[in-house]
Amino acid sequence: MDVFETMKVRQSIRKFRKDPIPREHILRMAEAASWAPTAGNSQNFRFIAVQERETIARMRGIVDEIVSRVTGTEVAGGKATYHNLFAFAPAVICVVGAPYESATDRTLREKDPERYKARRFHVNPGLQGIAAGITQFILAACAQGYGTCWMTGPLIAKAELESALSVRHPEELLAIIAVGKPDAAPPKPPRKPASEITTFR
């Protein structure tokens, strides 16, 4: 599939068939992610591909428990939510990132701490590269006929999920990607035309 066609076909999928995903297909998605541009070619991310139903159920239990505690509302047993819908996919891809510090960052840390702090939280080149990797992962999934949902909702239980997945500082869990064959595709939301989002000077 042509890259432009893939981008236009891709959409967030929230209902999946139970068909298992061969490991080589997931590795192909990860390979696509590895070619994403990252600051200083740091390639500062990796994936934990979870396919064991027991582990996925445990992750869902962690998320549901935290959501219930925070909201004061019990999460319905068989219902998919924006926090736990990953548990209904055959594969759950946990995106783990490591911090990146450029020469510019190091200079600012020593010479201008306030500007350094603003750059780390507002620019964050390391996080931008990880987002590029996620984008290429989900496009590669789409090109192979899979649907995905890029999720941060489950990270309401970030610390607990990191503990369950043995993710240790300085790495951190930054996103979860639900992957599987689409069972139903939602209506495709409209996109802004290129002329509306582009300014020439």
Protein backbone atom coordinates (compact mmCIF):
# COMPACT_ATOMS: atom_id res chain seq x y z
CA MET A 1 0.00 0.00 0.00
CA ASP A 2 1.29 3.45 -0.95
CA VAL A 3 2.31 5.56 2.07
CA PHE A 4 -0.22 8.30 1.26
CA GLU A 5 -2.98 5.72 0.83
CA THR A 6 -2.01 4.14 4.15
CA MET A 7 -2.20 7.50 5.93
CA LYS A 8 -5.65 8.15 4.49
CA VAL A 9 -6.97 4.67 5.31
CA ARG A 10 -5.62 4.58 8.87
CA GLN A 11 -8.02 5.40 11.67
CA SER A 12 -8.36 4.65 15.35
CA ILE A 13 -10.01 1.25 15.81
CA ARG A 14 -11.79 0.40 19.05
CA LYS A 15 -13.29 -3.00 18.22
CA PHE A 16 -11.06 -5.91 17.30
CA ARG A 17 -11.41 -9.49 16.15
CA LYS A 18 -9.73 -12.12 18.32
CA ASP A 19 -7.36 -13.32 15.56
CA PRO A 20 -3.83 -13.66 16.95
CA ILE A 21 -1.07 -11.54 15.44
CA PRO A 22 2.06 -13.36 14.30
CA ARG A 23 5.22 -12.12 15.99
CA GLU A 24 6.84 -11.38 12.64
CA HIS A 25 4.06 -8.89 11.87
CA ILE A 26 4.67 -7.05 15.14
CA LEU A 27 8.41 -7.07 14.45
CA ARG A 28 7.69 -5.53 11.04
CA MET A 29 5.78 -2.72 12.77
CA ALA A 30 8.67 -2.23 15.20
CA GLU A 31 11.12 -2.15 12.28
CA ALA A 32 9.11 0.65 10.68
CA ALA A 33 9.22 2.54 13.99
CA SER A 34 12.98 2.11 14.17
CA TRP A 35 13.34 4.21 11.00
CA ALA A 36 11.53 7.17 12.51
CA PRO A 37 13.54 10.38 12.94
CA THR A 38 14.73 10.87 16.51
CA ALA A 39 16.80 13.66 18.03
CA GLY A 40 20.48 12.84 17.68
CA ASN A 41 19.42 9.47 16.20
CA SER A 42 18.90 8.45 19.84
CA GLN A 43 16.25 5.83 18.98
CA ASN A 44 15.19 6.28 22.58
CA PHE A 45 12.18 3.96 22.61
CA ARG A 46 11.36 0.28 22.71
CA PHE A 47 8.20 -1.83 22.71
CA ILE A 48 6.85 -4.44 25.08
CA ALA A 49 4.44 -6.55 22.99
CA VAL A 50 1.94 -8.18 25.34
CA GLN A 51 -0.14 -11.02 23.89
CA GLU A 52 -0.61 -13.22 26.95
CA ARG A 53 -4.27 -12.90 27.94
CA GLU A 54 -3.39 -13.27 31.62
CA THR A 55 -0.99 -10.31 31.50
CA ILE A 56 -3.46 -8.20 29.52
CA ALA A 57 -6.20 -9.01 32.04
CA ARG A 58 -3.88 -8.01 34.87
CA MET A 59 -3.12 -4.69 33.15
CA ARG A 60 -6.83 -4.06 32.68
CA GLY A 61 -7.49 -4.87 36.32
CA ILE A 62 -4.84 -2.33 37.38
CA VAL A 63 -6.33 0.38 35.16
CA ASP A 64 -9.94 -0.34 36.16
CA GLU A 65 -9.02 -0.27 39.85
CA ILE A 66 -7.32 3.12 39.57
CA VAL A 67 -10.15 4.57 37.45
CA SER A 68 -12.68 3.35 40.03
CA ARG A 69 -10.65 4.82 42.88
CA VAL A 70 -10.17 8.19 41.16
CA THR A 71 -13.75 8.59 39.87
CA GLY A 72 -15.58 6.82 42.69
CA THR A 73 -17.47 4.81 40.05
CA GLU A 74 -17.19 1.06 39.54
CA VAL A 75 -16.02 0.08 36.02
CA ALA A 76 -18.54 -2.29 34.40
CA GLY A 77 -17.06 -5.78 33.94
CA GLY A 78 -17.40 -6.40 30.20
CA LYS A 79 -17.44 -2.83 28.99
CA ALA A 80 -14.63 -1.24 26.99
CA THR A 81 -13.77 2.32 28.03
CA TYR A 82 -11.26 4.92 26.85
CA HIS A 83 -9.03 3.67 29.66
CA ASN A 84 -9.21 -0.10 29.18
CA LEU A 85 -10.17 -0.86 25.57
CA PHE A 86 -6.63 -2.14 24.95
CA ALA A 87 -7.68 -5.27 26.85
CA PHE A 88 -10.09 -6.19 24.05
CA ALA A 89 -7.32 -6.31 21.40
CA PRO A 90 -5.21 -9.41 20.69
CA ALA A 91 -1.97 -7.46 21.17
CA VAL A 92 -1.10 -4.63 23.50
CA ILE A 93 2.02 -2.70 22.57
CA CYS A 94 3.52 -0.79 25.49
CA VAL A 95 5.73 2.08 24.34
CA VAL A 96 8.68 2.60 26.65
CA GLY A 97 10.87 5.68 26.27
CA ALA A 98 14.17 6.83 27.67
CA PRO A 99 15.14 10.47 28.27
CA TYR A 100 17.19 12.28 25.67
CA GLU A 101 19.43 15.23 26.41
CA SER A 102 21.10 17.11 23.57
CA ALA A 103 24.23 19.28 23.71
CA THR A 104 21.85 22.27 23.70
CA ASP A 105 20.01 20.83 26.71
CA ARG A 106 23.25 20.28 28.61
CA THR A 107 24.38 23.85 27.93
CA LEU A 108 21.04 25.27 29.04
CA ARG A 109 20.99 23.10 32.16
CA GLU A 110 24.27 24.69 33.25
CA LYS A 111 23.89 28.24 31.90
CA ASP A 112 20.13 28.96 31.88
CA PRO A 113 18.15 26.59 34.16
CA GLU A 114 14.80 28.34 33.54
CA ARG A 115 15.12 28.05 29.76
CA TYR A 116 16.29 24.45 30.21
CA LYS A 117 13.19 23.64 32.25
CA ALA A 118 10.89 25.24 29.66
CA ARG A 119 12.59 23.34 26.83
CA ARG A 120 12.29 20.01 28.64
CA PHE A 121 8.58 20.46 29.23
CA HIS A 122 7.50 22.40 26.14
CA VAL A 123 9.83 21.26 23.38
CA ASN A 124 11.09 17.86 24.59
CA PRO A 125 12.92 16.59 21.48
CA GLY A 126 13.15 13.11 23.01
CA LEU A 127 9.39 12.80 23.28
CA GLN A 128 8.90 14.13 19.76
CA GLY A 129 11.06 11.31 18.38
CA ILE A 130 9.09 8.72 20.34
CA ALA A 131 5.86 10.12 18.88
CA ALA A 132 7.36 9.78 15.39
CA GLY A 133 8.19 6.14 16.17
CA ILE A 134 4.61 5.48 17.31
CA THR A 135 3.29 7.08 14.12
CA GLN A 136 5.39 4.84 11.91
CA PHE A 137 4.44 1.79 13.99
CA ILE A 138 0.72 2.38 13.51
CA LEU A 139 1.13 3.16 9.79
CA ALA A 140 3.04 -0.11 9.33
CA ALA A 141 0.26 -1.91 11.20
CA CYS A 142 -2.33 -0.38 8.88
CA ALA A 143 -0.30 -1.36 5.80
CA GLN A 144 -0.42 -4.98 7.02
CA GLY A 145 -4.20 -4.89 7.48
CA TYR A 146 -4.31 -4.24 11.22
CA GLY A 147 -6.19 -1.59 13.14
CA THR A 148 -4.67 0.34 16.03
CA CYS A 149 -5.64 2.70 18.79
CA TRP A 150 -2.89 4.96 20.18
CA MET A 151 -3.79 5.36 23.84
CA THR A 152 -2.69 7.44 26.80
CA GLY A 153 -5.88 6.97 28.86
CA PRO A 154 -4.51 3.82 30.55
CA LEU A 155 -1.63 5.91 31.89
CA ILE A 156 -3.93 7.10 34.65
CA ALA A 157 -2.29 4.01 36.21
CA LYS A 158 1.19 4.80 34.84
CA ALA A 159 3.22 3.97 37.96
CA GLU A 160 1.30 0.75 38.62
CA LEU A 161 1.60 -0.41 35.00
CA GLU A 162 5.32 0.38 34.98
CA SER A 163 5.74 -1.78 38.07
CA ALA A 164 3.74 -4.64 36.52
CA LEU A 165 5.79 -4.46 33.31
CA SER A 166 9.13 -4.06 35.14
CA VAL A 167 9.81 -0.67 33.54
CA ARG A 168 12.46 1.04 35.62
CA HIS A 169 13.70 4.64 35.83
CA PRO A 170 15.02 6.38 33.77
CA GLU A 171 12.76 4.61 31.26
CA GLU A 172 9.03 5.22 31.46
CA LEU A 173 5.79 3.97 29.95
CA LEU A 174 4.58 6.67 27.55
CA ALA A 175 1.74 5.13 25.53
CA ILE A 176 -0.14 1.94 24.77
CA ILE A 177 -1.11 0.81 21.29
CA ALA A 178 -4.01 -1.64 20.92
CA VAL A 179 -3.49 -3.75 17.78
CA GLY A 180 -5.67 -6.26 15.97
CA LYS A 181 -7.76 -7.00 12.93
CA PRO A 182 -10.61 -4.46 12.89
CA ASP A 183 -14.02 -5.84 13.84
CA ALA A 184 -15.79 -2.57 13.13
CA ALA A 185 -14.54 0.72 11.76
CA PRO A 186 -16.06 3.94 13.09
CA PRO A 187 -17.05 6.74 10.70
CA LYS A 188 -13.95 8.49 9.43
CA PRO A 189 -13.67 11.98 10.92
CA PRO A 190 -13.03 14.82 8.46
CA ARG A 191 -9.55 16.25 8.05
CA LYS A 192 -8.61 19.86 7.57
CA PRO A 193 -7.44 20.62 4.03
CA ALA A 194 -3.71 21.17 3.55
CA SER A 195 -4.34 24.78 2.54
CA GLU A 196 -5.99 25.46 5.90
CA ILE A 197 -3.10 24.14 8.01
CA THR A 198 -0.27 25.55 5.89
CA THR A 199 1.01 29.12 5.74
CA PHE A 200 3.64 30.28 3.28
CA ARG A 201 5.93 33.23 4.06
